[in-house]
Structure formats: structure tokens, C-alpha cells
């Protein structure tokens, strides 16, 4: 009898358990935080996707307000077990093109940073998700990471495409 869970690359953990309990998916290209809690969601990482050009612009919806960054990083931590903030790399598109697309269209202002400035303050850029422009600014210490990100050189511009 074919076992469809095995066909999807799952690993059988307990031969005596029911079918839904016995199988756990085998995650490729995903990673959790240190001492990963199985109840936490695994992040999808794009292998080999590195932003090597320090002049690449990163876009974040809204201002780099420490309170908002802290809340967003804490929410990310509650899901993935690591601190992170979403940004989009301006590559293969313009800032204006990205500003018209979800999720950035929801923000009336956009924060623009350069890869080199972000890396200079000790942040990590992790290629996460299916969108090839999406990256997570990763850090280990919530308060220190928020302060470093908020103080990073950046420019705030209005988003003319904001859905008012």
C-alpha cells in the first residue's frame, strides 16, 4: 500500500502512532532558531542568494520607529524563534515598482537603506521566503538589534502609491 506521506519526503517517527501523528515533514531549505522548538514555524531560506553589492537599496514599509521595529521583531520571534525584520531588495525592479506591490503599497512612507550600511552595523541579511526580493534583517539581541537598525543611515520617502 503506497504511503503518501513518505512520497512527500516525510520521516516516519513512530511506527505505532496514527498516520497523521507518525510523520513529520523533512524540511529542506528551512531553518529555525537555536534549539528549534518544533511548535515554531520553520523559515524558508533561499540557498546561495547573497546581496554582495553594498549599493543595493533595501526597502522597508514605514519609518524605522524603534517601537514598531521592536514589536515586529518580537512577533517574528514568536513565529520563528529568531529576531527579524522584513525588507525588500531593489533588484530587477525600481523602488516605484516595489512601492506599488503588496505589502509595500500599504505604507504611506518607505524607508530606504543600503546593504553596506546595514551590514556595517552588524546586522545579518537572510534570503527568506519565495519572493526573490524578500530578505530578513536578522539579529540575536532584541534591544541591541532594534537600536542598531533604527540608527542605521536611511532615507524616508513618501509612497505615492499608498492605498489610502
N, C-alpha and C. Protein backbone atom coordinates (compact mmCIF):
# COMPACT_ATOMS: atom_id res chain seq x y z
N UNK A 1 0.85 -1.18 0.00
CA UNK A 1 0.00 0.00 0.00
C UNK A 1 0.89 1.24 0.00
N UNK A 2 0.75 2.17 -0.97
CA UNK A 2 1.61 3.35 -1.01
C UNK A 2 1.31 4.26 0.18
N UNK A 3 2.36 4.85 0.68
CA UNK A 3 2.19 5.78 1.81
C UNK A 3 2.52 7.17 1.31
N UNK A 4 1.50 7.97 1.14
CA UNK A 4 1.67 9.29 0.52
C UNK A 4 2.55 10.21 1.34
N UNK A 5 2.55 10.08 2.67
CA UNK A 5 3.41 10.93 3.48
C UNK A 5 4.87 10.66 3.15
N UNK A 6 5.20 9.38 2.94
CA UNK A 6 6.58 9.04 2.57
C UNK A 6 6.91 9.59 1.19
N UNK A 7 5.92 9.57 0.30
CA UNK A 7 6.15 10.07 -1.05
C UNK A 7 6.52 11.54 -1.05
N UNK A 8 6.10 12.29 -0.04
CA UNK A 8 6.38 13.73 0.03
C UNK A 8 7.68 14.01 0.76
N UNK A 9 8.41 12.99 1.11
CA UNK A 9 9.69 13.22 1.78
C UNK A 9 9.56 13.33 3.28
N UNK A 10 8.50 12.78 3.87
CA UNK A 10 8.34 12.84 5.31
C UNK A 10 9.19 11.76 5.97
N UNK A 11 9.43 11.92 7.24
CA UNK A 11 10.20 10.98 8.01
C UNK A 11 9.26 10.32 9.02
N UNK A 12 9.20 8.99 9.03
CA UNK A 12 8.32 8.29 9.98
C UNK A 12 9.02 8.27 11.33
N UNK A 13 8.37 8.87 12.34
CA UNK A 13 8.97 8.98 13.65
C UNK A 13 8.55 7.86 14.60
N UNK A 14 7.29 7.46 14.55
CA UNK A 14 6.78 6.48 15.49
C UNK A 14 5.90 5.48 14.76
N UNK A 15 6.40 4.26 14.55
CA UNK A 15 5.62 3.29 13.78
C UNK A 15 4.28 2.94 14.43
N UNK A 16 4.15 3.14 15.75
CA UNK A 16 2.91 2.81 16.43
C UNK A 16 1.89 3.93 16.45
N UNK A 17 2.27 5.11 16.03
CA UNK A 17 1.36 6.26 16.07
C UNK A 17 0.43 6.25 14.86
N UNK A 18 -0.64 7.02 14.97
CA UNK A 18 -1.56 7.14 13.83
C UNK A 18 -0.81 7.80 12.68
N UNK A 19 -1.38 7.64 11.49
CA UNK A 19 -0.72 8.16 10.29
C UNK A 19 -0.42 9.65 10.40
N UNK A 20 -1.36 10.46 10.89
CA UNK A 20 -1.14 11.91 10.96
C UNK A 20 -0.11 12.28 12.01
N UNK A 21 0.02 11.45 13.06
CA UNK A 21 0.99 11.75 14.11
C UNK A 21 2.37 11.17 13.82
N UNK A 22 2.42 10.11 13.03
CA UNK A 22 3.67 9.37 12.84
C UNK A 22 4.65 10.06 11.92
N UNK A 23 4.17 10.93 11.05
CA UNK A 23 5.05 11.51 10.04
C UNK A 23 5.32 12.97 10.32
N UNK A 24 6.55 13.35 10.15
CA UNK A 24 6.95 14.74 10.23
C UNK A 24 7.62 15.07 8.91
N UNK A 25 7.32 16.23 8.31
CA UNK A 25 7.95 16.56 7.03
C UNK A 25 9.45 16.76 7.16
N UNK A 26 10.15 16.43 6.11
CA UNK A 26 11.58 16.66 6.03
C UNK A 26 11.75 18.04 5.40
N UNK A 27 12.30 18.98 6.15
CA UNK A 27 12.40 20.37 5.69
C UNK A 27 13.72 20.61 5.00
N UNK A 28 13.65 21.01 3.77
CA UNK A 28 14.84 21.38 3.01
C UNK A 28 14.79 22.87 2.77
N UNK A 29 15.90 23.56 2.95
CA UNK A 29 15.92 24.99 2.72
C UNK A 29 15.17 25.76 3.79
N UNK A 30 14.95 25.15 4.96
CA UNK A 30 14.27 25.82 6.04
C UNK A 30 15.15 25.74 7.27
N UNK A 31 14.97 26.72 8.14
CA UNK A 31 15.78 26.73 9.34
C UNK A 31 15.02 27.42 10.45
N UNK A 32 15.20 26.93 11.65
CA UNK A 32 14.63 27.56 12.83
C UNK A 32 15.76 28.14 13.66
N UNK A 33 15.41 28.72 14.78
CA UNK A 33 16.40 29.32 15.66
C UNK A 33 17.18 28.26 16.41
N UNK A 34 18.12 28.71 17.24
CA UNK A 34 18.92 27.79 18.04
C UNK A 34 17.99 27.01 18.96
N UNK A 35 18.21 25.71 19.08
CA UNK A 35 17.34 24.88 19.90
C UNK A 35 15.91 24.94 19.39
N UNK A 36 15.73 24.81 18.10
CA UNK A 36 14.44 24.99 17.45
C UNK A 36 13.32 24.25 18.18
N UNK A 37 12.25 24.96 18.47
CA UNK A 37 11.05 24.41 19.07
C UNK A 37 10.18 23.87 17.94
N UNK A 38 9.82 22.59 17.95
CA UNK A 38 9.03 22.04 16.84
C UNK A 38 7.68 22.72 16.67
N UNK A 39 7.19 23.40 17.69
CA UNK A 39 5.92 24.12 17.57
C UNK A 39 6.09 25.40 16.76
N UNK A 40 7.32 25.85 16.57
CA UNK A 40 7.59 27.07 15.81
C UNK A 40 7.67 26.75 14.33
N UNK A 41 7.30 27.72 13.55
CA UNK A 41 7.33 27.59 12.10
C UNK A 41 8.78 27.66 11.60
N UNK A 42 9.10 26.86 10.61
CA UNK A 42 10.44 26.90 10.02
C UNK A 42 10.47 27.94 8.92
N UNK A 43 11.58 28.66 8.85
CA UNK A 43 11.73 29.68 7.81
C UNK A 43 12.25 29.06 6.53
N UNK A 44 11.79 29.58 5.42
CA UNK A 44 12.28 29.13 4.11
C UNK A 44 13.45 30.04 3.72
N UNK A 45 14.63 29.46 3.58
CA UNK A 45 15.82 30.20 3.16
C UNK A 45 16.17 29.83 1.73
N UNK A 46 16.54 30.84 0.95
CA UNK A 46 16.95 30.60 -0.44
C UNK A 46 18.47 30.43 -0.46
N UNK A 47 18.92 29.21 -0.65
CA UNK A 47 20.35 28.90 -0.65
C UNK A 47 21.08 29.70 -1.73
N UNK A 48 22.22 30.26 -1.34
CA UNK A 48 23.10 30.93 -2.30
C UNK A 48 22.66 32.32 -2.73
N UNK A 49 21.57 32.84 -2.19
CA UNK A 49 21.09 34.17 -2.56
C UNK A 49 21.70 35.19 -1.60
N UNK A 50 22.76 35.82 -2.05
CA UNK A 50 23.51 36.76 -1.21
C UNK A 50 23.53 38.12 -1.89
N UNK A 51 23.32 39.16 -1.11
CA UNK A 51 23.42 40.53 -1.64
C UNK A 51 24.87 40.98 -1.44
N UNK A 52 25.66 40.86 -2.50
CA UNK A 52 27.09 41.18 -2.41
C UNK A 52 27.38 42.64 -2.71
N UNK A 53 26.51 43.28 -3.46
CA UNK A 53 26.71 44.68 -3.83
C UNK A 53 26.20 45.58 -2.71
N UNK A 54 27.11 46.27 -2.04
CA UNK A 54 26.74 47.14 -0.93
C UNK A 54 25.87 48.31 -1.32
N UNK A 55 25.81 48.65 -2.61
CA UNK A 55 24.98 49.77 -3.07
C UNK A 55 23.53 49.38 -3.31
N UNK A 56 23.19 48.09 -3.20
CA UNK A 56 21.79 47.69 -3.37
C UNK A 56 20.95 48.34 -2.28
N UNK A 57 19.82 48.90 -2.70
CA UNK A 57 18.90 49.56 -1.78
C UNK A 57 17.91 48.53 -1.24
N UNK A 58 17.64 48.64 0.04
CA UNK A 58 16.63 47.83 0.71
C UNK A 58 15.46 48.72 1.08
N UNK A 59 14.25 48.21 0.94
CA UNK A 59 13.05 48.99 1.24
C UNK A 59 12.30 48.32 2.38
N UNK A 60 11.92 49.12 3.34
CA UNK A 60 11.09 48.69 4.47
C UNK A 60 9.86 49.58 4.51
N UNK A 61 8.69 49.00 4.68
CA UNK A 61 7.48 49.80 4.78
C UNK A 61 7.45 50.58 6.08
N UNK A 62 7.15 51.88 6.00
CA UNK A 62 7.06 52.74 7.19
C UNK A 62 8.39 53.31 7.59
N UNK A 63 8.37 54.00 8.74
CA UNK A 63 9.58 54.57 9.32
C UNK A 63 10.33 53.49 10.10
N UNK A 64 11.57 53.77 10.44
CA UNK A 64 12.33 52.85 11.29
C UNK A 64 12.11 53.24 12.75
N UNK A 65 10.86 53.28 13.16
CA UNK A 65 10.49 53.64 14.52
C UNK A 65 10.84 52.48 15.46
N UNK A 66 11.64 52.74 16.50
CA UNK A 66 12.07 51.65 17.38
C UNK A 66 10.92 50.85 17.99
N UNK A 67 9.83 51.50 18.36
CA UNK A 67 8.71 50.77 18.96
C UNK A 67 8.07 49.80 17.96
N UNK A 68 7.93 50.25 16.71
CA UNK A 68 7.36 49.38 15.68
C UNK A 68 8.33 48.26 15.33
N UNK A 69 9.61 48.60 15.19
CA UNK A 69 10.62 47.57 14.90
C UNK A 69 10.66 46.52 16.01
N UNK A 70 10.60 46.97 17.26
CA UNK A 70 10.62 46.06 18.41
C UNK A 70 9.41 45.11 18.37
N UNK A 71 8.23 45.67 18.13
CA UNK A 71 7.01 44.84 18.07
C UNK A 71 7.08 43.85 16.90
N UNK A 72 7.54 44.31 15.74
CA UNK A 72 7.63 43.43 14.57
C UNK A 72 8.67 42.32 14.80
N UNK A 73 9.82 42.68 15.39
CA UNK A 73 10.86 41.68 15.65
C UNK A 73 10.39 40.67 16.69
N UNK A 74 9.66 41.13 17.70
CA UNK A 74 9.13 40.22 18.72
C UNK A 74 8.08 39.28 18.11
N UNK A 75 7.25 39.81 17.23
CA UNK A 75 6.25 38.97 16.55
C UNK A 75 6.96 37.91 15.69
N UNK A 76 7.99 38.33 14.96
CA UNK A 76 8.76 37.40 14.14
C UNK A 76 9.37 36.30 15.02
N UNK A 77 9.89 36.71 16.18
CA UNK A 77 10.49 35.75 17.12
C UNK A 77 9.45 34.74 17.60
N UNK A 78 8.23 35.21 17.86
CA UNK A 78 7.19 34.31 18.35
C UNK A 78 6.80 33.26 17.31
N UNK A 79 7.04 33.55 16.06
CA UNK A 79 6.72 32.62 14.97
C UNK A 79 7.91 31.72 14.64
N UNK A 80 9.11 32.31 14.53
CA UNK A 80 10.27 31.59 14.01
C UNK A 80 11.37 31.29 15.04
N UNK A 81 11.32 31.90 16.21
CA UNK A 81 12.33 31.64 17.22
C UNK A 81 13.62 32.42 17.03
N UNK A 82 13.64 33.37 16.12
CA UNK A 82 14.76 34.28 15.92
C UNK A 82 14.19 35.67 15.67
N UNK A 83 14.98 36.70 15.94
CA UNK A 83 14.53 38.07 15.69
C UNK A 83 14.77 38.43 14.24
N UNK A 84 13.80 39.09 13.63
CA UNK A 84 13.96 39.50 12.24
C UNK A 84 12.97 40.58 11.84
N UNK A 85 13.37 41.33 10.83
CA UNK A 85 12.57 42.41 10.25
C UNK A 85 12.61 42.24 8.73
N UNK A 86 11.44 42.32 8.10
CA UNK A 86 11.36 42.15 6.65
C UNK A 86 11.78 43.39 5.89
N UNK A 87 12.52 43.16 4.81
CA UNK A 87 12.88 44.22 3.86
C UNK A 87 12.82 43.62 2.46
N UNK A 88 12.81 44.49 1.46
CA UNK A 88 12.82 44.06 0.06
C UNK A 88 14.00 44.70 -0.64
N UNK A 89 14.75 43.89 -1.40
CA UNK A 89 15.90 44.37 -2.15
C UNK A 89 15.44 44.93 -3.48
N UNK A 90 15.96 46.11 -3.81
CA UNK A 90 15.64 46.73 -5.09
C UNK A 90 16.61 46.16 -6.12
N UNK A 91 16.20 45.05 -6.71
CA UNK A 91 16.99 44.40 -7.77
C UNK A 91 16.00 43.82 -8.77
N UNK A 92 16.22 44.12 -10.02
CA UNK A 92 15.31 43.68 -11.06
C UNK A 92 14.00 44.46 -11.07
N UNK A 93 13.94 45.53 -10.33
CA UNK A 93 12.75 46.40 -10.26
C UNK A 93 13.20 47.73 -9.67
N UNK A 94 12.38 48.73 -9.80
CA UNK A 94 12.67 50.03 -9.20
C UNK A 94 11.93 50.17 -7.87
N UNK A 95 12.32 51.15 -7.09
CA UNK A 95 11.60 51.43 -5.84
C UNK A 95 10.14 51.70 -6.16
N UNK A 96 9.88 52.44 -7.24
CA UNK A 96 8.50 52.77 -7.62
C UNK A 96 7.69 51.52 -7.94
N UNK A 97 8.31 50.56 -8.61
CA UNK A 97 7.61 49.32 -8.92
C UNK A 97 7.30 48.52 -7.65
N UNK A 98 8.27 48.45 -6.75
CA UNK A 98 8.03 47.74 -5.49
C UNK A 98 6.97 48.45 -4.64
N UNK A 99 6.97 49.77 -4.68
CA UNK A 99 6.03 50.56 -3.87
C UNK A 99 4.58 50.31 -4.27
N UNK A 100 4.36 49.85 -5.49
CA UNK A 100 3.00 49.60 -5.99
C UNK A 100 2.49 48.21 -5.62
N UNK A 101 3.36 47.36 -5.09
CA UNK A 101 3.01 45.97 -4.82
C UNK A 101 2.82 45.74 -3.32
N UNK A 102 1.97 44.74 -3.01
CA UNK A 102 1.83 44.33 -1.61
C UNK A 102 3.15 43.71 -1.16
N UNK A 103 3.58 43.92 0.03
CA UNK A 103 2.90 44.64 1.09
C UNK A 103 3.23 46.13 1.16
N UNK A 104 4.21 46.59 0.37
CA UNK A 104 4.67 47.97 0.50
C UNK A 104 3.62 49.00 0.15
N UNK A 105 2.67 48.68 -0.70
CA UNK A 105 1.62 49.62 -1.09
C UNK A 105 0.77 50.04 0.12
N UNK A 106 0.79 49.25 1.19
CA UNK A 106 0.01 49.55 2.39
C UNK A 106 0.61 50.67 3.24
N UNK A 107 1.84 51.07 2.93
CA UNK A 107 2.54 52.07 3.75
C UNK A 107 2.57 53.42 3.07
N UNK A 108 2.32 54.49 3.84
CA UNK A 108 2.35 55.83 3.26
C UNK A 108 3.78 56.35 3.12
N UNK A 109 4.73 55.74 3.85
CA UNK A 109 6.14 56.10 3.74
C UNK A 109 6.96 54.83 3.64
N UNK A 110 8.12 54.96 3.00
CA UNK A 110 9.04 53.84 2.85
C UNK A 110 10.41 54.26 3.36
N UNK A 111 11.08 53.36 4.04
CA UNK A 111 12.45 53.59 4.50
C UNK A 111 13.40 52.89 3.54
N UNK A 112 14.39 53.63 3.06
CA UNK A 112 15.39 53.11 2.12
C UNK A 112 16.74 53.04 2.82
N UNK A 113 17.35 51.87 2.76
CA UNK A 113 18.67 51.65 3.37
C UNK A 113 19.57 51.01 2.33
N UNK A 114 20.85 51.11 2.55
CA UNK A 114 21.81 50.43 1.67
C UNK A 114 22.34 49.19 2.39
N UNK A 115 22.57 48.15 1.61
CA UNK A 115 23.09 46.90 2.15
C UNK A 115 24.35 47.15 2.96
N UNK A 116 25.28 47.95 2.44
CA UNK A 116 26.56 48.18 3.13
C UNK A 116 26.36 48.80 4.50
N UNK A 117 25.39 49.74 4.62
CA UNK A 117 25.15 50.40 5.90
C UNK A 117 24.56 49.43 6.92
N UNK A 118 23.69 48.56 6.46
CA UNK A 118 23.07 47.58 7.34
C UNK A 118 24.10 46.58 7.85
N UNK A 119 24.94 46.11 6.95
CA UNK A 119 25.98 45.16 7.35
C UNK A 119 27.02 45.82 8.26
N UNK A 120 27.27 47.11 8.04
CA UNK A 120 28.27 47.84 8.84
C UNK A 120 27.86 47.95 10.31
N UNK A 121 26.56 47.91 10.60
CA UNK A 121 26.11 47.99 12.00
C UNK A 121 25.89 46.60 12.59
N UNK A 122 26.39 45.56 11.89
CA UNK A 122 26.38 44.21 12.44
C UNK A 122 25.10 43.42 12.26
N UNK A 123 24.28 43.80 11.30
CA UNK A 123 23.05 43.06 11.04
C UNK A 123 23.32 41.95 10.01
N UNK A 124 22.46 40.93 10.01
CA UNK A 124 22.53 39.86 9.01
C UNK A 124 21.43 40.09 7.98
N UNK A 125 21.71 39.74 6.74
CA UNK A 125 20.68 39.76 5.69
C UNK A 125 20.45 38.33 5.25
N UNK A 126 19.26 37.81 5.55
CA UNK A 126 18.94 36.42 5.26
C UNK A 126 17.90 36.36 4.15
N UNK A 127 18.18 35.62 3.07
CA UNK A 127 17.21 35.50 1.97
C UNK A 127 16.07 34.56 2.37
N UNK A 128 14.92 35.11 2.69
CA UNK A 128 13.82 34.31 3.22
C UNK A 128 12.58 34.40 2.33
N UNK A 129 11.81 33.35 2.34
CA UNK A 129 10.55 33.33 1.60
C UNK A 129 10.75 32.97 0.14
N UNK A 130 9.63 32.97 -0.57
CA UNK A 130 9.65 32.62 -2.00
C UNK A 130 9.92 33.81 -2.90
N UNK A 131 9.64 35.01 -2.42
CA UNK A 131 9.86 36.22 -3.20
C UNK A 131 11.37 36.47 -3.28
N UNK A 132 11.96 36.49 -4.47
CA UNK A 132 13.42 36.65 -4.58
C UNK A 132 13.93 38.01 -4.12
N UNK A 133 13.05 38.94 -3.88
CA UNK A 133 13.46 40.26 -3.37
C UNK A 133 13.34 40.36 -1.85
N UNK A 134 12.70 39.38 -1.20
CA UNK A 134 12.47 39.46 0.24
C UNK A 134 13.68 38.97 1.02
N UNK A 135 14.07 39.76 2.00
CA UNK A 135 15.15 39.40 2.91
C UNK A 135 14.70 39.71 4.33
N UNK A 136 15.29 39.02 5.27
CA UNK A 136 15.05 39.30 6.67
C UNK A 136 16.32 39.87 7.27
N UNK A 137 16.19 41.01 7.93
CA UNK A 137 17.29 41.59 8.69
C UNK A 137 17.29 40.83 10.01
N UNK A 138 18.30 40.03 10.23
CA UNK A 138 18.36 39.18 11.42
C UNK A 138 19.31 39.71 12.46
N UNK A 139 18.95 39.47 13.73
CA UNK A 139 19.80 39.86 14.85
C UNK A 139 19.46 38.98 16.05
N UNK A 140 20.40 38.90 17.00
CA UNK A 140 20.25 37.98 18.13
C UNK A 140 19.71 38.65 19.38
N UNK A 141 19.95 39.94 19.54
CA UNK A 141 19.53 40.66 20.74
C UNK A 141 18.45 41.66 20.35
N UNK A 142 17.26 41.55 20.93
CA UNK A 142 16.14 42.39 20.53
C UNK A 142 16.46 43.88 20.68
N UNK A 143 16.83 44.32 21.86
CA UNK A 143 17.06 45.76 22.07
C UNK A 143 18.24 46.28 21.26
N UNK A 144 19.34 45.53 21.28
CA UNK A 144 20.51 45.96 20.51
C UNK A 144 20.23 45.98 19.02
N UNK A 145 19.55 44.97 18.52
CA UNK A 145 19.22 44.92 17.10
C UNK A 145 18.31 46.05 16.67
N UNK A 146 17.29 46.32 17.48
CA UNK A 146 16.35 47.41 17.16
C UNK A 146 17.09 48.74 17.14
N UNK A 147 17.94 48.98 18.13
CA UNK A 147 18.67 50.25 18.18
C UNK A 147 19.64 50.40 17.00
N UNK A 148 20.34 49.32 16.66
CA UNK A 148 21.27 49.39 15.52
C UNK A 148 20.53 49.64 14.22
N UNK A 149 19.39 48.95 14.03
CA UNK A 149 18.62 49.14 12.80
C UNK A 149 18.04 50.55 12.73
N UNK A 150 17.48 51.03 13.82
CA UNK A 150 16.87 52.37 13.84
C UNK A 150 17.91 53.47 13.60
N UNK A 151 19.14 53.23 14.03
CA UNK A 151 20.18 54.26 13.87
C UNK A 151 20.96 54.12 12.56
N UNK A 152 20.67 53.09 11.80
CA UNK A 152 21.34 52.86 10.53
C UNK A 152 21.02 54.01 9.56
N UNK A 153 22.00 54.50 8.80
CA UNK A 153 21.70 55.56 7.84
C UNK A 153 20.58 55.11 6.89
N UNK A 154 19.58 55.96 6.74
CA UNK A 154 18.45 55.63 5.86
C UNK A 154 17.75 56.91 5.43
N UNK A 155 16.90 56.76 4.46
CA UNK A 155 16.10 57.86 3.92
C UNK A 155 14.64 57.43 3.97
N UNK A 156 13.76 58.32 4.41
CA UNK A 156 12.33 58.04 4.41
C UNK A 156 11.70 58.86 3.29
N UNK A 157 10.96 58.16 2.42
CA UNK A 157 10.32 58.82 1.28
C UNK A 157 8.83 58.52 1.30
N UNK A 158 8.03 59.45 0.76
CA UNK A 158 6.58 59.17 0.68
C UNK A 158 6.32 58.09 -0.36
N UNK A 159 5.29 57.30 -0.12
CA UNK A 159 4.89 56.28 -1.08
C UNK A 159 3.68 56.81 -1.84
N UNK A 160 3.91 57.27 -3.06
CA UNK A 160 2.85 57.86 -3.88
C UNK A 160 1.79 56.83 -4.25
N UNK A 161 2.08 55.57 -4.08
CA UNK A 161 1.15 54.51 -4.47
C UNK A 161 0.37 53.94 -3.31
N UNK A 162 0.52 54.55 -2.14
CA UNK A 162 -0.14 54.08 -0.92
C UNK A 162 -1.64 54.00 -1.10
N UNK A 163 -2.22 52.86 -0.70
CA UNK A 163 -3.68 52.69 -0.71
C UNK A 163 -4.27 53.45 0.45
N UNK A 164 -4.78 54.63 0.18
CA UNK A 164 -5.34 55.45 1.26
C UNK A 164 -6.73 55.01 1.61
